Amino acid sequence: MSASAANGEDVHVKIVHPEGAKTRTLLRLASVESPEHEREKSIVIADPNNYDQIKAIADFIVNALQLSDTPTIGIICGTGLGSLAYEITEARGIKYSEIPGFPVSTVSGHKGKLIFGKLENKNVFCLQGRIHAYEGYSPAECSVPIRVMKLLGVEALIMTSAVGGTNENYKQGDVMLVKDHIFYPGFGLRSPLRGRNDPRFGPRFPSMNNAYDKDLRELAHLVAKQKGWSLREGVYAMVGGPQFETPAECRLLRAAGADAVGMSVCHETIVARHCGIKVLCMTLVTNIAIVDGDIIPKVDSFHEEVLEEGRKATECVSSLVKGIINALH
């Protein structure tokens, strides 16, 4: 793997499992300020299925941030939408890389910071940037933060995500609530629940009916209506990435009933529902899927387009999330 950092240099992050059985190297883009001695780092990722290891992470966070209040609401900020975290008051934060056993984010547009504080006078636990499977992690490893949230007391999870619109009626800038999903990696034994099951997390065979909580979706529609906005509601399809979809793949997704496509969300939702956390996911349509193979995109980098649309929609999405949190009891 190779990529150029802002200063033309690379940072390698070695991911080592506790038992030392598997070692992988991820590439993290370095910032201009990255000191020479930090160019290569080794981190140990907790076993996602090991309750004691996940609890150790939760206990570390409680001690590091000196938490005395229980965060009942979790927030995950998607690509380009991380500025929502700056709305949090009485904020205390820590970088993912400073938490033993915690996976680190390696993608531009994801700060890789955990923040605890208050939003609309409610205790929240916010992930400013998410972890993706295409970075080299398994779906279960990507979902370690969800199980940590559960052990910290989170009962409801609000996620934001940037997506490509596959529904021909969608347009750039639309906000879609996820009603259901198609988890394509799960078709190939890539479920985040694969492996031994600890009943302290949840049941062996959890139901995914109402995975995206109906009551929370109705509340989101109500808050949006009060603000004079209209939200779409549809099916999210998750693909592996990091490459964007081909026109043929977009046609396939549309035929399968997907309204939007992205590279995250589903495995997080599965783990959240497995451990009893209610889920609301709001997606921002940052680009419209190209289904004609003869059309040449106007931009060289779809990711930059995603980031730009995220910046444009930040105020709207932040206002909506705050309105929903304010209405939660």
Protein backbone atom coordinates (compact mmCIF):
# COMPACT_ATOMS: atom_id res chain seq x y z
CA MET A 1 0.00 0.00 0.00
CA SER A 2 1.19 3.53 -0.65
CA ALA A 3 -0.15 7.02 -0.41
CA SER A 4 1.17 10.53 -0.01
CA ALA A 5 0.68 12.54 3.14
CA ALA A 6 0.26 16.27 3.29
CA ASN A 7 4.04 16.58 3.59
CA GLY A 8 4.76 13.86 1.06
CA GLU A 9 5.60 11.23 3.67
CA ASP A 10 3.84 8.11 4.92
CA VAL A 11 2.95 6.84 8.35
CA HIS A 12 2.58 3.09 8.91
CA VAL A 13 0.34 1.82 11.69
CA LYS A 14 0.91 -1.79 12.67
CA ILE A 15 -2.26 -3.49 13.92
CA VAL A 16 -1.48 -6.39 16.25
CA HIS A 17 -4.07 -8.64 17.89
CA PRO A 18 -3.58 -9.35 21.59
CA GLU A 19 -2.64 -12.96 20.98
CA GLY A 20 -0.13 -11.90 18.33
CA ALA A 21 -1.68 -14.30 15.84
CA LYS A 22 -2.35 -11.68 13.19
CA THR A 23 -0.38 -8.59 12.27
CA ARG A 24 -1.36 -6.15 9.55
CA THR A 25 0.01 -2.78 8.48
CA LEU A 26 -2.28 0.10 7.69
CA LEU A 27 -1.20 3.34 6.08
CA ARG A 28 -2.16 6.54 7.85
CA LEU A 29 -1.78 9.90 6.20
CA ALA A 30 0.62 12.00 8.24
CA SER A 31 -0.07 15.60 9.09
CA VAL A 32 2.54 18.25 8.44
CA GLU A 33 3.16 18.40 12.19
CA SER A 34 3.85 14.67 12.60
CA PRO A 35 7.19 14.34 14.43
CA GLU A 36 9.77 11.99 12.99
CA HIS A 37 9.65 9.55 15.92
CA GLU A 38 5.90 9.05 15.43
CA ARG A 39 6.13 7.97 11.81
CA GLU A 40 5.66 4.30 12.73
CA LYS A 41 3.37 3.17 15.53
CA SER A 42 2.26 -0.24 16.71
CA ILE A 43 -1.12 -0.59 18.41
CA VAL A 44 -2.87 -3.59 19.86
CA ILE A 45 -6.54 -3.98 18.95
CA ALA A 46 -8.83 -5.53 21.54
CA ASP A 47 -10.57 -8.79 20.66
CA PRO A 48 -14.08 -7.55 19.70
CA ASN A 49 -15.67 -10.69 21.19
CA ASN A 50 -13.81 -10.55 24.50
CA TYR A 51 -16.02 -8.86 27.09
CA ASP A 52 -13.18 -8.29 29.55
CA GLN A 53 -11.01 -6.56 26.94
CA ILE A 54 -13.85 -4.27 25.85
CA LYS A 55 -14.63 -3.48 29.49
CA ALA A 56 -10.97 -2.60 30.03
CA ILE A 57 -11.26 0.00 27.25
CA ALA A 58 -14.43 1.43 28.80
CA ASP A 59 -12.79 1.60 32.22
CA PHE A 60 -9.73 3.33 30.75
CA ILE A 61 -11.93 5.99 29.12
CA VAL A 62 -13.84 6.59 32.36
CA ASN A 63 -10.58 7.13 34.22
CA ALA A 64 -8.85 9.13 31.49
CA LEU A 65 -11.76 11.55 31.08
CA GLN A 66 -12.76 11.40 34.75
CA LEU A 67 -16.34 10.58 33.88
CA SER A 68 -18.90 10.74 36.64
CA ASP A 69 -22.02 11.03 34.47
CA THR A 70 -23.43 8.31 32.24
CA PRO A 71 -23.58 9.14 28.51
CA THR A 72 -26.94 7.76 27.38
CA ILE A 73 -26.67 9.05 23.79
CA GLY A 74 -23.94 8.01 21.38
CA ILE A 75 -23.05 9.92 18.21
CA ILE A 76 -20.91 8.82 15.26
CA CYS A 77 -19.89 11.57 12.84
CA GLY A 78 -19.47 10.48 9.23
CA THR A 79 -17.18 11.74 6.47
CA GLY A 80 -17.05 15.52 6.40
CA LEU A 81 -19.61 15.83 9.21
CA GLY A 82 -17.27 15.81 12.20
CA SER A 83 -17.78 19.47 13.07
CA LEU A 84 -20.93 18.47 14.98
CA ALA A 85 -18.56 17.53 17.77
CA TYR A 86 -17.62 21.20 18.20
CA GLU A 87 -21.18 21.88 19.34
CA ILE A 88 -20.59 19.79 22.48
CA THR A 89 -20.15 21.79 25.68
CA GLU A 90 -18.18 20.83 28.80
CA ALA A 91 -16.24 18.68 26.38
CA ARG A 92 -13.50 16.27 27.37
CA GLY A 93 -11.74 14.38 24.61
CA ILE A 94 -9.09 11.81 23.86
CA LYS A 95 -7.57 10.60 20.59
CA TYR A 96 -8.34 7.05 19.50
CA SER A 97 -4.59 6.41 19.30
CA GLU A 98 -4.25 7.18 23.01
CA ILE A 99 -6.78 4.51 24.07
CA PRO A 100 -5.26 1.03 24.57
CA GLY A 101 -7.02 -1.56 22.43
CA PHE A 102 -9.01 1.00 20.44
CA PRO A 103 -8.84 1.02 16.61
CA VAL A 104 -7.58 4.20 14.96
CA SER A 105 -9.10 6.02 11.99
CA THR A 106 -6.78 6.53 9.01
CA VAL A 107 -9.03 8.41 6.57
CA SER A 108 -9.00 12.14 5.82
CA GLY A 109 -12.21 13.78 7.03
CA HIS A 110 -12.23 11.61 10.18
CA LYS A 111 -10.56 13.28 13.16
CA GLY A 112 -10.16 10.11 15.17
CA LYS A 113 -11.16 11.62 18.49
CA LEU A 114 -13.59 10.56 21.21
CA ILE A 115 -15.47 13.36 22.97
CA PHE A 116 -17.67 13.28 26.06
CA GLY A 117 -19.81 16.24 27.10
CA LYS A 118 -23.22 17.80 26.82
CA LEU A 119 -25.39 18.49 23.78
CA GLU A 120 -28.79 20.07 24.42
CA ASN A 121 -28.08 19.43 28.12
CA LYS A 122 -27.88 15.66 27.55
CA ASN A 123 -24.77 13.59 28.26
CA VAL A 124 -23.34 12.40 24.95
CA PHE A 125 -20.47 10.21 23.83
CA CYS A 126 -19.27 11.27 20.37
CA LEU A 127 -16.96 9.55 17.92
CA GLN A 128 -15.48 12.25 15.72
CA GLY A 129 -14.68 9.95 12.83
CA ARG A 130 -15.45 6.27 12.29
CA ILE A 131 -13.45 3.14 11.50
CA HIS A 132 -13.84 1.44 8.09
CA ALA A 133 -13.20 -2.15 7.05
CA TYR A 134 -11.28 -1.00 3.96
CA GLU A 135 -8.63 0.44 6.27
CA GLY A 136 -7.61 -3.13 7.07
CA TYR A 137 -9.88 -3.90 10.01
CA SER A 138 -12.47 -6.65 10.24
CA PRO A 139 -16.14 -5.57 10.57
CA ALA A 140 -15.99 -6.70 14.20
CA GLU A 141 -12.92 -4.57 14.90
CA CYS A 142 -14.64 -1.58 13.29
CA SER A 143 -17.47 -2.06 15.78
CA VAL A 144 -15.35 -2.12 18.95
CA PRO A 145 -16.42 1.50 19.72
CA ILE A 146 -20.08 0.41 19.71
CA ARG A 147 -19.56 -2.19 22.40
CA VAL A 148 -17.51 0.31 24.39
CA MET A 149 -20.47 2.70 24.15
CA LYS A 150 -22.77 0.01 25.50
CA LEU A 151 -20.60 -0.61 28.54
CA LEU A 152 -20.43 3.14 29.19
CA GLY A 153 -24.24 3.34 29.35
CA VAL A 154 -25.31 4.43 25.85
CA GLU A 155 -28.93 3.54 25.07
CA ALA A 156 -29.50 5.35 21.76
CA LEU A 157 -27.04 5.83 18.89
CA ILE A 158 -27.33 8.62 16.31
CA MET A 159 -25.13 8.14 13.25
CA THR A 160 -24.41 10.42 10.32
CA SER A 161 -22.90 9.22 7.08
CA ALA A 162 -22.11 10.43 3.59
CA VAL A 163 -23.65 8.33 0.80
CA GLY A 164 -24.02 8.10 -2.92
CA GLY A 165 -27.61 8.30 -4.11
CA THR A 166 -28.72 5.30 -6.17
CA ASN A 167 -32.41 6.25 -6.16
CA GLU A 168 -33.01 8.13 -9.40
CA ASN A 169 -35.27 10.61 -7.60
CA TYR A 170 -32.60 11.67 -5.12
CA LYS A 171 -30.47 14.77 -5.58
CA GLN A 172 -27.22 16.00 -4.12
CA GLY A 173 -27.75 17.49 -0.67
CA ASP A 174 -30.76 15.35 0.29
CA VAL A 175 -30.83 13.90 3.80
CA MET A 176 -32.07 10.31 3.99
CA LEU A 177 -33.04 8.46 7.15
CA VAL A 178 -32.05 4.82 6.90
CA LYS A 179 -35.11 2.59 7.24
CA ASP A 180 -33.42 -0.71 6.38
CA HIS A 181 -30.13 -1.92 4.97
CA ILE A 182 -28.51 -4.43 2.64
CA PHE A 183 -25.26 -5.60 4.22
CA TYR A 184 -23.41 -7.06 1.24
CA PRO A 185 -20.23 -8.02 3.19
CA GLY A 186 -22.45 -10.16 5.42
CA PHE A 187 -23.27 -12.36 2.44
CA GLY A 188 -19.64 -13.49 2.47
CA LEU A 189 -19.26 -14.39 6.17
CA ARG A 190 -18.13 -10.88 7.09
CA SER A 191 -20.69 -10.34 9.84
CA PRO A 192 -19.34 -8.38 12.82
CA LEU A 193 -21.01 -11.04 15.01
CA ARG A 194 -19.06 -13.91 13.49
CA GLY A 195 -17.19 -16.03 16.03
CA ARG A 196 -17.95 -16.89 19.61
CA ASN A 197 -20.84 -15.05 21.22
CA ASP A 198 -20.74 -13.64 24.74
CA PRO A 199 -24.33 -13.38 26.05
CA ARG A 200 -23.29 -10.37 28.12
CA PHE A 201 -23.21 -8.47 24.82
CA GLY A 202 -26.34 -10.01 23.33
CA PRO A 203 -28.00 -13.15 21.91
CA ARG A 204 -26.42 -15.53 19.42
CA PHE A 205 -29.09 -14.84 16.76
CA PRO A 206 -30.31 -11.22 17.08
CA SER A 207 -33.25 -9.99 15.01
CA MET A 208 -32.63 -7.13 12.58
CA ASN A 209 -36.30 -6.18 12.26
CA ASN A 210 -36.69 -2.51 13.15
CA ALA A 211 -32.88 -2.22 13.16
CA TYR A 212 -33.33 1.51 12.54
CA ASP A 213 -35.75 2.40 15.29
CA LYS A 214 -39.18 3.47 14.00
CA ASP A 215 -39.90 5.78 16.94
CA LEU A 216 -36.59 7.60 16.45
CA ARG A 217 -37.26 7.96 12.73
CA GLU A 218 -40.70 9.42 13.42
CA LEU A 219 -39.12 11.84 15.90
CA ALA A 220 -36.56 12.89 13.29
CA HIS A 221 -39.30 13.58 10.75
CA LEU A 222 -41.19 15.65 13.35
CA VAL A 223 -38.12 17.73 14.23
CA ALA A 224 -37.34 18.28 10.55
CA LYS A 225 -40.91 19.35 9.84
CA GLN A 226 -40.76 21.88 12.67
CA LYS A 227 -37.67 23.34 11.01
CA GLY A 228 -39.37 23.42 7.62
CA TRP A 229 -37.30 20.61 6.17
CA SER A 230 -38.23 17.37 4.46
CA LEU A 231 -36.31 14.14 4.98
CA ARG A 232 -36.17 11.17 2.68
CA GLU A 233 -36.32 7.64 4.03
CA GLY A 234 -34.83 4.61 2.34
CA VAL A 235 -32.59 1.56 2.14
CA TYR A 236 -28.83 1.81 2.67
CA ALA A 237 -26.54 -0.64 0.89
CA MET A 238 -23.06 -1.24 2.29
CA VAL A 239 -20.19 -2.19 -0.01
CA GLY A 240 -16.60 -2.82 1.01
CA GLY A 241 -14.73 -0.01 -0.72
CA PRO A 242 -12.46 1.87 -0.79
CA GLN A 243 -13.02 2.08 -4.54
CA PHE A 244 -16.27 3.74 -5.55
CA GLU A 245 -18.87 1.66 -7.37
CA THR A 246 -18.83 1.02 -11.10
CA PRO A 247 -21.88 2.06 -13.16
CA ALA A 248 -22.84 -1.63 -13.48
CA GLU A 249 -22.64 -2.06 -9.71
CA CYS A 250 -24.80 1.03 -9.23
CA ARG A 251 -27.42 -0.42 -11.56
CA LEU A 252 -27.32 -3.67 -9.57
CA LEU A 253 -27.77 -1.80 -6.27
CA ARG A 254 -30.69 0.18 -7.67
CA ALA A 255 -32.35 -3.01 -8.94
CA ALA A 256 -31.88 -4.61 -5.51
CA GLY A 257 -33.86 -1.82 -3.89
CA ALA A 258 -31.04 0.31 -2.49
CA ASP A 259 -31.69 4.05 -2.33
CA ALA A 260 -28.17 4.94 -1.22
CA VAL A 261 -24.77 3.28 -0.99
CA GLY A 262 -21.87 3.68 1.42
CA MET A 263 -18.97 1.87 3.07
CA SER A 264 -20.01 1.82 6.74
CA VAL A 265 -23.11 1.96 8.99
CA CYS A 266 -24.42 -1.62 8.63
CA HIS A 267 -21.90 -3.47 10.79
CA GLU A 268 -22.18 -0.71 13.43
CA THR A 269 -25.96 -1.04 13.42
CA ILE A 270 -25.80 -4.83 13.70
CA VAL A 271 -23.53 -4.66 16.75
CA ALA A 272 -25.59 -1.87 18.31
CA ARG A 273 -28.82 -3.83 17.96
CA HIS A 274 -27.09 -6.99 19.19
CA CYS A 275 -26.35 -5.25 22.48
CA GLY A 276 -29.70 -3.46 22.75
CA ILE A 277 -28.81 0.05 21.58
CA LYS A 278 -31.49 1.82 19.53
CA VAL A 279 -30.22 3.26 16.24
CA LEU A 280 -31.04 6.33 14.15
CA CYS A 281 -28.97 6.94 11.03
CA MET A 282 -29.06 10.08 8.93
CA THR A 283 -27.23 10.01 5.63
CA LEU A 284 -26.25 12.94 3.46
CA VAL A 285 -26.42 12.34 -0.29
CA THR A 286 -23.12 13.89 -1.36
CA ASN A 287 -23.14 12.59 -4.92
CA ILE A 288 -25.48 10.82 -7.32
CA ALA A 289 -24.49 7.38 -8.58
CA ILE A 290 -23.46 7.20 -12.21
CA VAL A 291 -25.27 4.32 -13.94
CA ASP A 292 -24.14 5.04 -17.51
CA GLY A 293 -20.66 3.71 -18.18
CA ASP A 294 -20.11 6.21 -21.00
CA ILE A 295 -20.43 9.21 -18.68
CA ILE A 296 -17.09 10.60 -17.52
CA PRO A 297 -17.24 12.19 -14.03
CA LYS A 298 -16.47 15.90 -13.80
CA VAL A 299 -14.25 15.41 -10.75
CA ASP A 300 -11.09 13.33 -10.38
CA SER A 301 -11.70 12.61 -6.70
CA PHE A 302 -15.14 11.62 -5.47
CA HIS A 303 -13.81 11.73 -1.91
CA GLU A 304 -13.08 15.45 -2.16
CA GLU A 305 -16.62 15.97 -3.47
CA VAL A 306 -17.95 14.05 -0.47
CA LEU A 307 -15.97 16.22 1.94
CA GLU A 308 -17.15 19.43 0.27
CA GLU A 309 -20.82 18.43 0.38
CA GLY A 310 -20.36 17.46 4.01
CA ARG A 311 -19.01 20.91 4.80
CA LYS A 312 -21.97 22.55 3.07
CA ALA A 313 -24.51 20.47 5.00
CA THR A 314 -22.86 20.66 8.42
CA GLU A 315 -25.14 23.37 9.81
CA CYS A 316 -28.31 21.60 8.67
CA VAL A 317 -27.29 18.17 9.96
CA SER A 318 -26.01 19.57 13.26
CA SER A 319 -29.24 21.47 13.82
CA LEU A 320 -31.28 18.35 13.11
CA VAL A 321 -29.23 16.17 15.46
CA LYS A 322 -29.48 18.74 18.25
CA GLY A 323 -33.23 19.01 17.75
CA ILE A 324 -33.62 15.24 18.00
CA ILE A 325 -31.45 15.01 21.12
CA ASN A 326 -33.39 17.86 22.73
CA ALA A 327 -36.65 15.95 22.13
CA LEU A 328 -35.36 12.69 23.58
CA HIS A 329 -36.46 11.89 27.14
